[in-house]
PDB file of N, CA and C in Angstrom:
ATOM      1  N   MET A   1      13.599 -65.093  97.837  1.00  0.00           N
ATOM      2  CA  MET A   1      12.294 -65.601  98.061  1.00  0.00           C
ATOM      3  C   MET A   1      11.328 -64.954  98.242  1.00  0.00           C
ATOM      4  N   TRP A   2      11.081 -63.593  98.433  1.00  0.00           N
ATOM      5  CA  TRP A   2      10.076 -62.579  98.188  1.00  0.00           C
ATOM      6  C   TRP A   2      10.330 -61.749  97.054  1.00  0.00           C
ATOM      7  N   ILE A   3      10.100 -62.360  95.832  1.00  0.00           N
ATOM      8  CA  ILE A   3      10.617 -61.922  94.821  1.00  0.00           C
ATOM      9  C   ILE A   3       9.508 -60.679  94.297  1.00  0.00           C
ATOM     10  N   ARG A   4       8.434 -60.645  94.625  1.00  0.00           N
ATOM     11  CA  ARG A   4       7.506 -60.248  93.968  1.00  0.00           C
ATOM     12  C   ARG A   4       6.857 -59.034  94.982  1.00  0.00           C
ATOM     13  N   LYS A   5       6.608 -57.856  94.592  1.00  0.00           N
ATOM     14  CA  LYS A   5       5.860 -56.896  95.707  1.00  0.00           C
ATOM     15  C   LYS A   5       4.511 -56.503  94.923  1.00  0.00           C
ATOM     16  N   LEU A   6       3.589 -56.492  96.175  1.00  0.00           N
ATOM     17  CA  LEU A   6       2.088 -56.378  95.424  1.00  0.00           C
ATOM     18  C   LEU A   6       1.661 -55.156  96.696  1.00  0.00           C
ATOM     19  N   ARG A   7       0.747 -54.456  95.660  1.00  0.00           N
ATOM     20  CA  ARG A   7       0.023 -53.433  96.353  1.00  0.00           C
ATOM     21  C   ARG A   7      -1.552 -53.895  97.156  1.00  0.00           C
ATOM     22  N   ILE A   8      -1.803 -53.796  98.237  1.00  0.00           N
ATOM     23  CA  ILE A   8      -3.182 -54.346  98.318  1.00  0.00           C
ATOM     24  C   ILE A   8      -4.349 -52.986  99.156  1.00  0.00           C
ATOM     25  N   GLU A   9      -4.831 -52.866  98.426  1.00  0.00           N
ATOM     26  CA  GLU A   9      -5.859 -52.125  98.737  1.00  0.00           C
ATOM     27  C   GLU A   9      -7.267 -52.183  99.313  1.00  0.00           C
ATOM     28  N   ARG A  10      -7.924 -51.465 100.002  1.00  0.00           N
ATOM     29  CA  ARG A  10      -9.247 -51.947 100.293  1.00  0.00           C
ATOM     30  C   ARG A  10     -10.252 -50.848  99.191  1.00  0.00           C
ATOM     31  N   VAL A  11     -11.023 -51.044  98.580  1.00  0.00           N
ATOM     32  CA  VAL A  11     -11.819 -50.326  97.953  1.00  0.00           C
ATOM     33  C   VAL A  11     -13.281 -50.614  98.138  1.00  0.00           C
ATOM     34  N   GLY A  12     -13.753 -49.253  98.382  1.00  0.00           N
ATOM     35  CA  GLY A  12     -14.924 -48.877  99.032  1.00  0.00           C
ATOM     36  C   GLY A  12     -15.931 -48.779  97.998  1.00  0.00           C
ATOM     37  N   ILE A  13     -17.426 -48.799  98.452  1.00  0.00           N
ATOM     38  CA  ILE A  13     -18.642 -48.735  97.583  1.00  0.00           C
ATOM     39  C   ILE A  13     -18.241 -48.023  96.513  1.00  0.00           C
ATOM     40  N   GLY A  14     -17.776 -46.844  96.353  1.00  0.00           N
ATOM     41  CA  GLY A  14     -17.586 -45.784  95.289  1.00  0.00           C
ATOM     42  C   GLY A  14     -16.409 -45.938  94.135  1.00  0.00           C
ATOM     43  N   GLY A  15     -15.673 -46.932  94.875  1.00  0.00           N
ATOM     44  CA  GLY A  15     -14.678 -47.060  93.885  1.00  0.00           C
ATOM     45  C   GLY A  15     -12.946 -46.501  94.856  1.00  0.00           C
ATOM     46  N   GLU A  16     -13.117 -45.835  95.562  1.00  0.00           N
ATOM     47  CA  GLU A  16     -12.307 -45.304  96.039  1.00  0.00           C
ATOM     48  C   GLU A  16     -11.298 -46.466  96.614  1.00  0.00           C
ATOM     49  N   ALA A  17     -10.203 -46.520  96.621  1.00  0.00           N
ATOM     50  CA  ALA A  17      -9.226 -47.174  97.250  1.00  0.00           C
ATOM     51  C   ALA A  17      -8.240 -46.448  98.278  1.00  0.00           C
ATOM     52  N   SER A  18      -7.976 -47.536  99.124  1.00  0.00           N
ATOM     53  CA  SER A  18      -6.674 -47.516 100.346  1.00  0.00           C
ATOM     54  C   SER A  18      -5.845 -48.304 100.472  1.00  0.00           C
ATOM     55  N   PRO A  19      -4.852 -47.904 100.593  1.00  0.00           N
ATOM     56  CA  PRO A  19      -3.706 -49.289 101.165  1.00  0.00           C
ATOM     57  C   PRO A  19      -4.308 -49.453 102.840  1.00  0.00           C
ATOM     58  N   CYS A  20      -3.881 -51.030 102.595  1.00  0.00           N
ATOM     59  CA  CYS A  20      -4.870 -51.810 103.698  1.00  0.00           C
ATOM     60  C   CYS A  20      -3.758 -51.554 104.874  1.00  0.00           C
ATOM     61  N   PRO A  21      -3.871 -51.125 106.224  1.00  0.00           N
ATOM     62  CA  PRO A  21      -2.886 -51.133 107.037  1.00  0.00           C
ATOM     63  C   PRO A  21      -2.103 -52.506 107.485  1.00  0.00           C
ATOM     64  N   ILE A  22      -0.310 -51.997 107.699  1.00  0.00           N
ATOM     65  CA  ILE A  22       0.377 -52.896 107.431  1.00  0.00           C
ATOM     66  C   ILE A  22      -0.255 -54.165 108.773  1.00  0.00           C
ATOM     67  N   ALA A  23      -0.731 -53.936 109.547  1.00  0.00           N
ATOM     68  CA  ALA A  23      -1.185 -54.167 110.645  1.00  0.00           C
ATOM     69  C   ALA A  23      -2.484 -55.571 110.287  1.00  0.00           C
ATOM     70  N   TRP A  24      -3.566 -55.293 109.345  1.00  0.00           N
ATOM     71  CA  TRP A  24      -4.405 -56.187 108.984  1.00  0.00           C
ATOM     72  C   TRP A  24      -3.493 -57.212 108.015  1.00  0.00           C
ATOM     73  N   ILE A  25      -2.374 -56.559 107.140  1.00  0.00           N
ATOM     74  CA  ILE A  25      -1.990 -57.717 106.287  1.00  0.00           C
ATOM     75  C   ILE A  25      -0.808 -58.641 107.183  1.00  0.00           C
ATOM     76  N   ASP A  26      -0.325 -58.054 108.123  1.00  0.00           N
ATOM     77  CA  ASP A  26       0.331 -58.898 108.945  1.00  0.00           C
ATOM     78  C   ASP A  26       0.010 -59.990 109.571  1.00  0.00           C
ATOM     79  N   ASN A  27      -1.484 -59.541 110.360  1.00  0.00           N
ATOM     80  CA  ASN A  27      -2.499 -60.555 110.961  1.00  0.00           C
ATOM     81  C   ASN A  27      -3.020 -61.701 110.064  1.00  0.00           C
ATOM     82  N   PHE A  28      -2.975 -61.301 108.621  1.00  0.00           N
ATOM     83  CA  PHE A  28      -3.343 -62.646 107.480  1.00  0.00           C
ATOM     84  C   PHE A  28      -2.401 -63.362 107.489  1.00  0.00           C
ATOM     85  N   ALA A  29      -0.734 -62.866 107.244  1.00  0.00           N
ATOM     86  CA  ALA A  29       0.250 -63.490 106.890  1.00  0.00           C
ATOM     87  C   ALA A  29       0.581 -64.854 108.083  1.00  0.00           C
ATOM     88  N   MET A  30       0.291 -64.369 109.455  1.00  0.00           N
ATOM     89  CA  MET A  30       0.534 -65.031 110.195  1.00  0.00           C
ATOM     90  C   MET A  30      -0.303 -66.914 110.182  1.00  0.00           C
ATOM     91  N   ARG A  31       0.711 -67.639 109.840  1.00  0.00           N
ATOM     92  CA  ARG A  31      -0.014 -69.123 109.339  1.00  0.00           C
ATOM     93  C   ARG A  31      -1.047 -69.809 110.389  1.00  0.00           C
ATOM     94  N   ASN A  32      -0.408 -69.639 111.649  1.00  0.00           N
ATOM     95  CA  ASN A  32      -1.573 -69.984 112.460  1.00  0.00           C
ATOM     96  C   ASN A  32      -3.288 -69.328 112.271  1.00  0.00           C
ATOM     97  N   PHE A  33      -3.254 -68.430 111.394  1.00  0.00           N
ATOM     98  CA  PHE A  33      -4.344 -67.958 111.413  1.00  0.00           C
ATOM     99  C   PHE A  33      -5.110 -68.422 109.789  1.00  0.00           C
ATOM    100  N   THR A  34      -4.296 -68.476 108.999  1.00  0.00           N
ATOM    101  CA  THR A  34      -4.552 -68.931 107.636  1.00  0.00           C
ATOM    102  C   THR A  34      -4.621 -70.739 107.630  1.00  0.00           C
ATOM    103  N   ASN A  35      -3.809 -71.022 108.260  1.00  0.00           N
ATOM    104  CA  ASN A  35      -3.784 -72.661 108.082  1.00  0.00           C
ATOM    105  C   ASN A  35      -3.521 -72.937 106.749  1.00  0.00           C
ATOM    106  N   ASP A  36      -2.697 -71.776 105.815  1.00  0.00           N
ATOM    107  CA  ASP A  36      -2.379 -72.565 104.531  1.00  0.00           C
ATOM    108  C   ASP A  36      -1.325 -72.151 104.544  1.00  0.00           C
ATOM    109  N   ALA A  37      -0.508 -73.035 104.136  1.00  0.00           N
ATOM    110  CA  ALA A  37       1.172 -73.014 103.880  1.00  0.00           C
ATOM    111  C   ALA A  37       1.652 -72.448 102.734  1.00  0.00           C
ATOM    112  N   ILE A  38       0.745 -72.432 101.536  1.00  0.00           N
ATOM    113  CA  ILE A  38       1.185 -71.544 100.605  1.00  0.00           C
ATOM    114  C   ILE A  38       1.087 -69.967 100.836  1.00  0.00           C
ATOM    115  N   PHE A  39       0.869 -69.676 102.104  1.00  0.00           N
ATOM    116  CA  PHE A  39       0.948 -68.148 102.000  1.00  0.00           C
ATOM    117  C   PHE A  39       1.727 -67.885 103.548  1.00  0.00           C
ATOM    118  N   ASP A  40       3.029 -69.020 103.676  1.00  0.00           N
ATOM    119  CA  ASP A  40       4.395 -69.115 103.896  1.00  0.00           C
ATOM    120  C   ASP A  40       4.899 -67.868 103.413  1.00  0.00           C
ATOM    121  N   ASP A  41       5.072 -67.729 102.333  1.00  0.00           N
ATOM    122  CA  ASP A  41       6.045 -67.057 101.508  1.00  0.00           C
ATOM    123  C   ASP A  41       5.493 -65.424 101.466  1.00  0.00           C
ATOM    124  N   THR A  42       5.060 -65.220 102.519  1.00  0.00           N
ATOM    125  CA  THR A  42       4.634 -63.626 102.333  1.00  0.00           C
ATOM    126  C   THR A  42       5.456 -62.770 103.626  1.00  0.00           C
ATOM    127  N   LEU A  43       5.747 -61.558 103.380  1.00  0.00           N
ATOM    128  CA  LEU A  43       6.410 -60.865 104.245  1.00  0.00           C
ATOM    129  C   LEU A  43       5.458 -59.453 103.950  1.00  0.00           C
ATOM    130  N   PRO A  44       4.865 -58.814 105.026  1.00  0.00           N
ATOM    131  CA  PRO A  44       4.504 -57.657 105.337  1.00  0.00           C
ATOM    132  C   PRO A  44       5.370 -56.585 105.039  1.00  0.00           C
ATOM    133  N   VAL A  45       5.444 -55.469 104.700  1.00  0.00           N
ATOM    134  CA  VAL A  45       6.826 -54.591 104.775  1.00  0.00           C
ATOM    135  C   VAL A  45       6.223 -52.909 105.055  1.00  0.00           C
ATOM    136  N   GLY A  46       5.064 -52.688 104.741  1.00  0.00           N
ATOM    137  CA  GLY A  46       4.344 -51.449 104.622  1.00  0.00           C
ATOM    138  C   GLY A  46       2.833 -51.476 104.921  1.00  0.00           C
ATOM    139  N   ASP A  47       2.243 -50.605 105.011  1.00  0.00           N
ATOM    140  CA  ASP A  47       0.870 -50.185 104.651  1.00  0.00           C
ATOM    141  C   ASP A  47       0.357 -50.528 103.005  1.00  0.00           C
ATOM    142  N   GLY A  48      -0.264 -51.469 102.756  1.00  0.00           N
ATOM    143  CA  GLY A  48      -0.655 -51.464 101.288  1.00  0.00           C
ATOM    144  C   GLY A  48       0.592 -52.394 100.390  1.00  0.00           C
ATOM    145  N   VAL A  49       1.200 -52.775 101.372  1.00  0.00           N
ATOM    146  CA  VAL A  49       2.672 -53.439 100.906  1.00  0.00           C
ATOM    147  C   VAL A  49       3.280 -54.716 101.457  1.00  0.00           C
ATOM    148  N   LEU A  50       3.039 -55.442 100.386  1.00  0.00           N
ATOM    149  CA  LEU A  50       3.143 -57.630 100.644  1.00  0.00           C
ATOM    150  C   LEU A  50       4.175 -58.325  99.708  1.00  0.00           C
ATOM    151  N   GLU A  51       5.420 -58.662 100.188  1.00  0.00           N
ATOM    152  CA  GLU A  51       5.892 -59.181  99.280  1.00  0.00           C
ATOM    153  C   GLU A  51       6.092 -60.745  99.257  1.00  0.00           C
ATOM    154  N   VAL A  52       5.989 -61.158  98.061  1.00  0.00           N
ATOM    155  CA  VAL A  52       5.892 -62.410  98.180  1.00  0.00           C
ATOM    156  C   VAL A  52       6.757 -63.686  97.368  1.00  0.00           C
ATOM    157  N   GLY A  53       6.419 -64.712  97.431  1.00  0.00           N
ATOM    158  CA  GLY A  53       7.369 -65.536  96.234  1.00  0.00           C
ATOM    159  C   GLY A  53       6.330 -66.035  95.424  1.00  0.00           C
ATOM    160  N   LEU A  54       7.328 -66.671  94.188  1.00  0.00           N
ATOM    161  CA  LEU A  54       6.364 -67.067  92.867  1.00  0.00           C
ATOM    162  C   LEU A  54       5.740 -67.938  93.251  1.00  0.00           C
ATOM    163  N   ARG A  55       5.325 -68.585  94.212  1.00  0.00           N
ATOM    164  CA  ARG A  55       4.361 -69.844  94.182  1.00  0.00           C
ATOM    165  C   ARG A  55       2.988 -69.341  94.667  1.00  0.00           C
ATOM    166  N   VAL A  56       3.024 -67.806  95.360  1.00  0.00           N
ATOM    167  CA  VAL A  56       1.358 -67.335  95.855  1.00  0.00           C
ATOM    168  C   VAL A  56       0.812 -67.126  94.419  1.00  0.00           C
ATOM    169  N   PRO A  57      -0.532 -67.600  94.638  1.00  0.00           N
ATOM    170  CA  PRO A  57      -1.499 -67.194  93.285  1.00  0.00           C
ATOM    171  C   PRO A  57      -2.096 -65.747  93.764  1.00  0.00           C
ATOM    172  N   LEU A  58      -1.734 -65.123  92.707  1.00  0.00           N
ATOM    173  CA  LEU A  58      -2.756 -63.497  93.740  1.00  0.00           C
ATOM    174  C   LEU A  58      -4.137 -63.756  93.727  1.00  0.00           C
ATOM    175  N   ASP A  59      -5.009 -64.473  92.783  1.00  0.00           N
ATOM    176  CA  ASP A  59      -6.669 -64.618  93.136  1.00  0.00           C
ATOM    177  C   ASP A  59      -6.699 -65.632  94.400  1.00  0.00           C
ATOM    178  N   ARG A  60      -6.025 -66.558  94.725  1.00  0.00           N
ATOM    179  CA  ARG A  60      -6.388 -66.576  96.095  1.00  0.00           C
ATOM    180  C   ARG A  60      -5.779 -66.464  96.997  1.00  0.00           C
ATOM    181  N   LEU A  61      -4.603 -65.566  97.124  1.00  0.00           N
ATOM    182  CA  LEU A  61      -4.174 -64.528  98.055  1.00  0.00           C
ATOM    183  C   LEU A  61      -5.400 -63.517  98.168  1.00  0.00           C
ATOM    184  N   ARG A  62      -6.017 -63.072  97.297  1.00  0.00           N
ATOM    185  CA  ARG A  62      -6.720 -61.811  97.369  1.00  0.00           C
ATOM    186  C   ARG A  62      -8.096 -62.046  98.017  1.00  0.00           C
ATOM    187  N   ASP A  63      -8.852 -63.674  97.596  1.00  0.00           N
ATOM    188  CA  ASP A  63      -9.944 -64.283  97.963  1.00  0.00           C
ATOM    189  C   ASP A  63      -9.661 -64.948  99.546  1.00  0.00           C
ATOM    190  N   ALA A  64      -8.642 -65.043  99.895  1.00  0.00           N
ATOM    191  CA  ALA A  64      -8.283 -65.552 101.301  1.00  0.00           C
ATOM    192  C   ALA A  64      -8.269 -63.965 101.980  1.00  0.00           C
ATOM    193  N   MET A  65      -7.619 -63.304 101.780  1.00  0.00           N
ATOM    194  CA  MET A  65      -7.593 -61.960 102.449  1.00  0.00           C
ATOM    195  C   MET A  65      -8.642 -61.327 102.561  1.00  0.00           C
ATOM    196  N   GLN A  66      -9.449 -61.192 101.543  1.00  0.00           N
ATOM    197  CA  GLN A  66     -10.724 -60.882 101.610  1.00  0.00           C
ATOM    198  C   GLN A  66     -11.799 -61.398 102.684  1.00  0.00           C
ATOM    199  N   ASP A  67     -11.723 -62.834 102.572  1.00  0.00           N
ATOM    200  CA  ASP A  67     -12.403 -63.402 103.593  1.00  0.00           C
ATOM    201  C   ASP A  67     -12.120 -63.298 104.925  1.00  0.00           C
ATOM    202  N   TRP A  68     -10.807 -63.254 105.381  1.00  0.00           N
ATOM    203  CA  TRP A  68      -9.954 -62.722 106.654  1.00  0.00           C
ATOM    204  C   TRP A  68     -10.028 -61.790 106.945  1.00  0.00           C
ATOM    205  N   PHE A  69     -10.589 -60.771 106.352  1.00  0.00           N
ATOM    206  CA  PHE A  69     -10.525 -59.366 106.563  1.00  0.00           C
ATOM    207  C   PHE A  69     -11.662 -59.202 107.006  1.00  0.00           C
ATOM    208  N   ARG A  70     -12.841 -59.844 106.214  1.00  0.00           N
ATOM    209  CA  ARG A  70     -14.329 -59.697 106.583  1.00  0.00           C
ATOM    210  C   ARG A  70     -14.760 -59.915 107.652  1.00  0.00           C
ATOM    211  N   ARG A  71     -14.250 -61.466 108.175  1.00  0.00           N
ATOM    212  CA  ARG A  71     -14.382 -62.051 109.426  1.00  0.00           C
ATOM    213  C   ARG A  71     -13.687 -61.230 110.634  1.00  0.00           C
ATOM    214  N   LYS A  72     -12.581 -60.634 110.326  1.00  0.00           N
ATOM    215  CA  LYS A  72     -12.451 -59.708 111.299  1.00  0.00           C
ATOM    216  C   LYS A  72     -12.730 -58.199 111.652  1.00  0.00           C
ATOM    217  N   GLY A  73     -13.680 -58.090 110.818  1.00  0.00           N
ATOM    218  CA  GLY A  73     -14.048 -56.480 110.377  1.00  0.00           C
ATOM    219  C   GLY A  73     -13.733 -55.698 110.170  1.00  0.00           C
ATOM    220  N   TYR A  74     -12.595 -55.990 109.153  1.00  0.00           N
ATOM    221  CA  TYR A  74     -12.070 -54.700 108.945  1.00  0.00           C
ATOM    222  C   TYR A  74     -12.310 -54.216 107.610  1.00  0.00           C
ATOM    223  N   ILE A  75     -12.855 -55.181 106.696  1.00  0.00           N
ATOM    224  CA  ILE A  75     -13.768 -54.224 105.319  1.00  0.00           C
ATOM    225  C   ILE A  75     -14.838 -54.831 105.699  1.00  0.00           C
ATOM    226  N   THR A  76     -15.982 -54.067 105.090  1.00  0.00           N
ATOM    227  CA  THR A  76     -17.600 -54.830 105.034  1.00  0.00           C
ATOM    228  C   THR A  76     -18.233 -55.672 103.834  1.00  0.00           C
ATOM    229  N   ARG A  77     -19.480 -56.123 103.880  1.00  0.00           N
ATOM    230  CA  ARG A  77     -19.366 -57.163 102.690  1.00  0.00           C
ATOM    231  C   ARG A  77     -19.179 -56.022 101.295  1.00  0.00           C
ATOM    232  N   ASP A  78     -19.992 -55.359 101.566  1.00  0.00           N
ATOM    233  CA  ASP A  78     -19.901 -53.987 100.527  1.00  0.00           C
ATOM    234  C   ASP A  78     -18.369 -53.499  99.491  1.00  0.00           C
ATOM    235  N   GLU A  79     -17.657 -53.785 100.963  1.00  0.00           N
ATOM    236  CA  GLU A  79     -15.998 -53.500 100.065  1.00  0.00           C
ATOM    237  C   GLU A  79     -15.247 -54.707  99.768  1.00  0.00           C
ATOM    238  N   SER A  80     -14.476 -54.687  98.772  1.00  0.00           N
ATOM    239  CA  SER A  80     -13.404 -55.381  98.509  1.00  0.00           C
ATOM    240  C   SER A  80     -12.021 -55.170  98.081  1.00  0.00           C
ATOM    241  N   LEU A  81     -11.490 -56.174  98.001  1.00  0.00           N
ATOM    242  CA  LEU A  81      -9.424 -55.912  98.067  1.00  0.00           C
ATOM    243  C   LEU A  81      -8.864 -55.822  96.451  1.00  0.00           C
ATOM    244  N   ARG A  82      -8.168 -55.261  96.365  1.00  0.00           N
ATOM    245  CA  ARG A  82      -6.984 -55.057  95.227  1.00  0.00           C
ATOM    246  C   ARG A  82      -6.515 -55.371  95.138  1.00  0.00           C
ATOM    247  N   VAL A  83      -5.492 -56.372  94.834  1.00  0.00           N
ATOM    248  CA  VAL A  83      -4.253 -57.109  95.169  1.00  0.00           C
ATOM    249  C   VAL A  83      -3.393 -57.058  93.457  1.00  0.00           C
ATOM    250  N   GLU A  84      -2.400 -56.143  93.587  1.00  0.00           N
ATOM    251  CA  GLU A  84      -1.927 -55.808  92.058  1.00  0.00           C
ATOM    252  C   GLU A  84      -0.380 -56.244  92.328  1.00  0.00           C
ATOM    253  N   GLU A  85       0.352 -56.732  91.252  1.00  0.00           N
ATOM    254  CA  GLU A  85       1.607 -56.552  91.402  1.00  0.00           C
ATOM    255  C   GLU A  85       2.075 -55.199  91.219  1.00  0.00           C
ATOM    256  N   MET A  86       3.240 -55.064  92.055  1.00  0.00           N
ATOM    257  CA  MET A  86       3.907 -53.542  91.977  1.00  0.00           C
ATOM    258  C   MET A  86       5.105 -53.599  90.561  1.00  0.00           C
ATOM    259  N   PRO A  87       5.783 -53.115  89.929  1.00  0.00           N
ATOM    260  CA  PRO A  87       6.522 -53.304  89.122  1.00  0.00           C
ATOM    261  C   PRO A  87       7.821 -52.954  89.917  1.00  0.00           C
ATOM    262  N   ARG A  88       8.898 -53.445  89.840  1.00  0.00           N
ATOM    263  CA  ARG A  88      10.438 -53.584  90.397  1.00  0.00           C
ATOM    264  C   ARG A  88      11.116 -52.548  90.150  1.00  0.00           C
TER     265      ARG A  88
END
């Protein structure tokens, strides 16, 4: 089910990137917060690491996580997220 491993990073104003804490990723991954079944195929495994199934679209995941993190106050409007597939 979780065939892809993703790197989830917060990108600051100057371009510096840091792994998002697993607590943030786990908070997003709970379906009762996202209300989107497509994100059910997600498994937070560590700081900056999320395993996902094949049906999870990366652009949509990034946009939804970025929106959620901003609403929670984890990142500012000037910061963004980088979501990249890691080699296996």
